[in-house]
Amino acid sequence: MAQFAYKARRRSGEVVTGVLDVADRSAALMQIERLGLFPVLIDASKASVAAAAENRSAAPGKSLMPAAFAAGLRRRRKPKLQELATFTNSSPICLSAACRSQSLSIA
């Protein structure tokens, strides 16, 4: 069985953290919900992550993606202010264009 660290909230809003020893991530989710909590984050605990890393080093070549590309996917950044403004300004335009194209195709 794997260990999953979780962060959840009670109905009152209080944050609760803990570790579950369950078969997989979906079982962890169900267990948290059975406890009457609202899951915020479920992550493999450090013990499971270390074991998985050992398994990966024992079986090289499992990843089909280049390392640089995989690292870029894992990296998260906040959008720049200009990117956010462009998205916000263009969203209504795209939505109205989609509505117009749907109405034209129906007729």
C-alpha atoms as a PDB file:
ATOM      1  CA  MET A   1       0.000   0.000   0.000  1.00  0.00           C
ATOM      2  CA  ALA A   2       1.079   3.544  -0.714  1.00  0.00           C
ATOM      3  CA  GLN A   3       1.079   6.497   1.620  1.00  0.00           C
ATOM      4  CA  PHE A   4      -0.661   9.696   0.577  1.00  0.00           C
ATOM      5  CA  ALA A   5      -0.322  13.010   2.353  1.00  0.00           C
ATOM      6  CA  TYR A   6      -3.464  15.103   2.238  1.00  0.00           C
ATOM      7  CA  LYS A   7      -4.678  18.565   3.038  1.00  0.00           C
ATOM      8  CA  ALA A   8      -8.424  19.007   3.502  1.00  0.00           C
ATOM      9  CA  ARG A   9     -10.947  21.352   5.053  1.00  0.00           C
ATOM     10  CA  ARG A  10     -13.723  20.731   7.529  1.00  0.00           C
ATOM     11  CA  ARG A  11     -17.169  22.242   6.989  1.00  0.00           C
ATOM     12  CA  SER A  12     -16.123  25.002   9.382  1.00  0.00           C
ATOM     13  CA  GLY A  13     -13.219  25.903   7.064  1.00  0.00           C
ATOM     14  CA  GLU A  14     -10.503  24.573   9.350  1.00  0.00           C
ATOM     15  CA  VAL A  15      -7.535  23.077   7.477  1.00  0.00           C
ATOM     16  CA  VAL A  16      -6.686  19.462   8.333  1.00  0.00           C
ATOM     17  CA  THR A  17      -3.580  17.577   7.214  1.00  0.00           C
ATOM     18  CA  GLY A  18      -2.614  13.940   7.535  1.00  0.00           C
ATOM     19  CA  VAL A  19      -1.259  10.802   5.916  1.00  0.00           C
ATOM     20  CA  LEU A  20      -3.301   7.833   4.678  1.00  0.00           C
ATOM     21  CA  ASP A  21      -2.059   4.326   3.938  1.00  0.00           C
ATOM     22  CA  VAL A  22      -4.263   3.239   1.006  1.00  0.00           C
ATOM     23  CA  ALA A  23      -3.972   1.367  -2.293  1.00  0.00           C
ATOM     24  CA  ASP A  24      -4.123   4.355  -4.660  1.00  0.00           C
ATOM     25  CA  ARG A  25      -5.041   8.020  -5.052  1.00  0.00           C
ATOM     26  CA  SER A  26      -8.750   7.374  -5.658  1.00  0.00           C
ATOM     27  CA  ALA A  27      -8.944   5.294  -2.473  1.00  0.00           C
ATOM     28  CA  ALA A  28      -7.312   8.189  -0.607  1.00  0.00           C
ATOM     29  CA  LEU A  29      -9.924  10.572  -2.008  1.00  0.00           C
ATOM     30  CA  MET A  30     -12.772   8.292  -0.942  1.00  0.00           C
ATOM     31  CA  GLN A  31     -11.302   7.887   2.563  1.00  0.00           C
ATOM     32  CA  ILE A  32     -11.001  11.658   3.006  1.00  0.00           C
ATOM     33  CA  GLU A  33     -14.613  12.124   1.904  1.00  0.00           C
ATOM     34  CA  ARG A  34     -15.723   9.375   4.328  1.00  0.00           C
ATOM     35  CA  LEU A  35     -14.101  11.379   7.116  1.00  0.00           C
ATOM     36  CA  GLY A  36     -16.445  14.251   6.207  1.00  0.00           C
ATOM     37  CA  LEU A  37     -13.644  16.428   4.864  1.00  0.00           C
ATOM     38  CA  PHE A  38     -13.306  18.362   1.611  1.00  0.00           C
ATOM     39  CA  PRO A  39      -9.997  17.446  -0.074  1.00  0.00           C
ATOM     40  CA  VAL A  40      -7.752  20.312  -1.127  1.00  0.00           C
ATOM     41  CA  LEU A  41      -4.531  18.440  -1.942  1.00  0.00           C
ATOM     42  CA  ILE A  42      -3.626  14.761  -2.170  1.00  0.00           C
ATOM     43  CA  ASP A  43       0.010  13.915  -2.788  1.00  0.00           C
ATOM     44  CA  ALA A  44       2.141  10.803  -2.534  1.00  0.00           C
ATOM     45  CA  SER A  45       4.066  11.040   0.727  1.00  0.00           C
ATOM     46  CA  LYS A  46       7.837  11.256   0.803  1.00  0.00           C
ATOM     47  CA  ALA A  47       8.243   7.565   1.629  1.00  0.00           C
ATOM     48  CA  SER A  48       6.286   6.552  -1.464  1.00  0.00           C
ATOM     49  CA  VAL A  49       8.049   9.135  -3.607  1.00  0.00           C
ATOM     50  CA  ALA A  50      11.462   7.830  -2.523  1.00  0.00           C
ATOM     51  CA  ALA A  51      10.446   4.256  -3.349  1.00  0.00           C
ATOM     52  CA  ALA A  52       9.150   5.336  -6.758  1.00  0.00           C
ATOM     53  CA  ALA A  53      12.390   7.211  -7.452  1.00  0.00           C
ATOM     54  CA  GLU A  54      14.384   4.092  -6.631  1.00  0.00           C
ATOM     55  CA  ASN A  55      12.198   2.063  -8.989  1.00  0.00           C
ATOM     56  CA  ARG A  56      12.703   4.632 -11.745  1.00  0.00           C
ATOM     57  CA  SER A  57      16.475   4.595 -11.337  1.00  0.00           C
ATOM     58  CA  ALA A  58      16.430   0.794 -11.439  1.00  0.00           C
ATOM     59  CA  ALA A  59      14.457   0.815 -14.706  1.00  0.00           C
ATOM     60  CA  PRO A  60      15.974   3.556 -16.890  1.00  0.00           C
ATOM     61  CA  GLY A  61      14.369   4.709 -20.120  1.00  0.00           C
ATOM     62  CA  LYS A  62      10.747   4.661 -18.931  1.00  0.00           C
ATOM     63  CA  SER A  63      10.060   8.259 -19.915  1.00  0.00           C
ATOM     64  CA  LEU A  64       9.421   8.892 -23.586  1.00  0.00           C
ATOM     65  CA  MET A  65       9.741  12.670 -23.245  1.00  0.00           C
ATOM     66  CA  PRO A  66      13.085  14.480 -23.356  1.00  0.00           C
ATOM     67  CA  ALA A  67      14.177  15.609 -19.890  1.00  0.00           C
ATOM     68  CA  ALA A  68      14.132  19.315 -20.824  1.00  0.00           C
ATOM     69  CA  PHE A  69      10.562  19.071 -22.135  1.00  0.00           C
ATOM     70  CA  ALA A  70       9.372  17.171 -19.046  1.00  0.00           C
ATOM     71  CA  ALA A  71      11.009  19.763 -16.783  1.00  0.00           C
ATOM     72  CA  GLY A  72       9.205  22.536 -18.678  1.00  0.00           C
ATOM     73  CA  LEU A  73       5.863  20.816 -18.103  1.00  0.00           C
ATOM     74  CA  ARG A  74       6.503  20.503 -14.369  1.00  0.00           C
ATOM     75  CA  ARG A  75       7.477  24.165 -14.048  1.00  0.00           C
ATOM     76  CA  ARG A  76       4.575  26.421 -13.160  1.00  0.00           C
ATOM     77  CA  ARG A  77       4.555  30.164 -13.323  1.00  0.00           C
ATOM     78  CA  LYS A  78       2.020  32.893 -12.856  1.00  0.00           C
ATOM     79  CA  PRO A  79       0.873  34.644 -16.034  1.00  0.00           C
ATOM     80  CA  LYS A  80       2.352  38.057 -16.657  1.00  0.00           C
ATOM     81  CA  LEU A  81       0.047  41.037 -16.329  1.00  0.00           C
ATOM     82  CA  GLN A  82       0.118  41.668 -20.097  1.00  0.00           C
ATOM     83  CA  GLU A  83      -0.800  38.011 -20.815  1.00  0.00           C
ATOM     84  CA  LEU A  84      -3.693  38.224 -18.384  1.00  0.00           C
ATOM     85  CA  ALA A  85      -4.937  41.482 -19.921  1.00  0.00           C
ATOM     86  CA  THR A  86      -4.740  40.041 -23.443  1.00  0.00           C
ATOM     87  CA  PHE A  87      -6.653  36.929 -22.412  1.00  0.00           C
ATOM     88  CA  THR A  88      -9.302  38.955 -20.588  1.00  0.00           C
ATOM     89  CA  ASN A  89      -9.787  41.291 -23.548  1.00  0.00           C
ATOM     90  CA  SER A  90      -9.903  38.549 -26.168  1.00  0.00           C
ATOM     91  CA  SER A  91     -12.186  36.116 -24.316  1.00  0.00           C
ATOM     92  CA  PRO A  92     -15.461  37.974 -24.999  1.00  0.00           C
ATOM     93  CA  ILE A  93     -14.471  38.419 -28.643  1.00  0.00           C
ATOM     94  CA  CYS A  94     -13.851  34.695 -29.059  1.00  0.00           C
ATOM     95  CA  LEU A  95     -17.066  33.801 -27.273  1.00  0.00           C
ATOM     96  CA  SER A  96     -19.178  36.156 -29.360  1.00  0.00           C
ATOM     97  CA  ALA A  97     -17.548  34.855 -32.545  1.00  0.00           C
ATOM     98  CA  ALA A  98     -18.296  31.279 -31.501  1.00  0.00           C
ATOM     99  CA  CYS A  99     -21.926  32.185 -30.796  1.00  0.00           C
ATOM    100  CA  ARG A 100     -22.242  33.841 -34.190  1.00  0.00           C
ATOM    101  CA  SER A 101     -20.661  30.899 -36.013  1.00  0.00           C
ATOM    102  CA  GLN A 102     -23.018  28.468 -34.276  1.00  0.00           C
ATOM    103  CA  SER A 103     -26.054  30.516 -35.178  1.00  0.00           C
ATOM    104  CA  LEU A 104     -24.902  30.690 -38.799  1.00  0.00           C
ATOM    105  CA  SER A 105     -24.327  26.944 -39.045  1.00  0.00           C
ATOM    106  CA  ILE A 106     -27.761  26.152 -37.622  1.00  0.00           C
ATOM    107  CA  ALA A 107     -29.613  28.346 -40.122  1.00  0.00           C
END
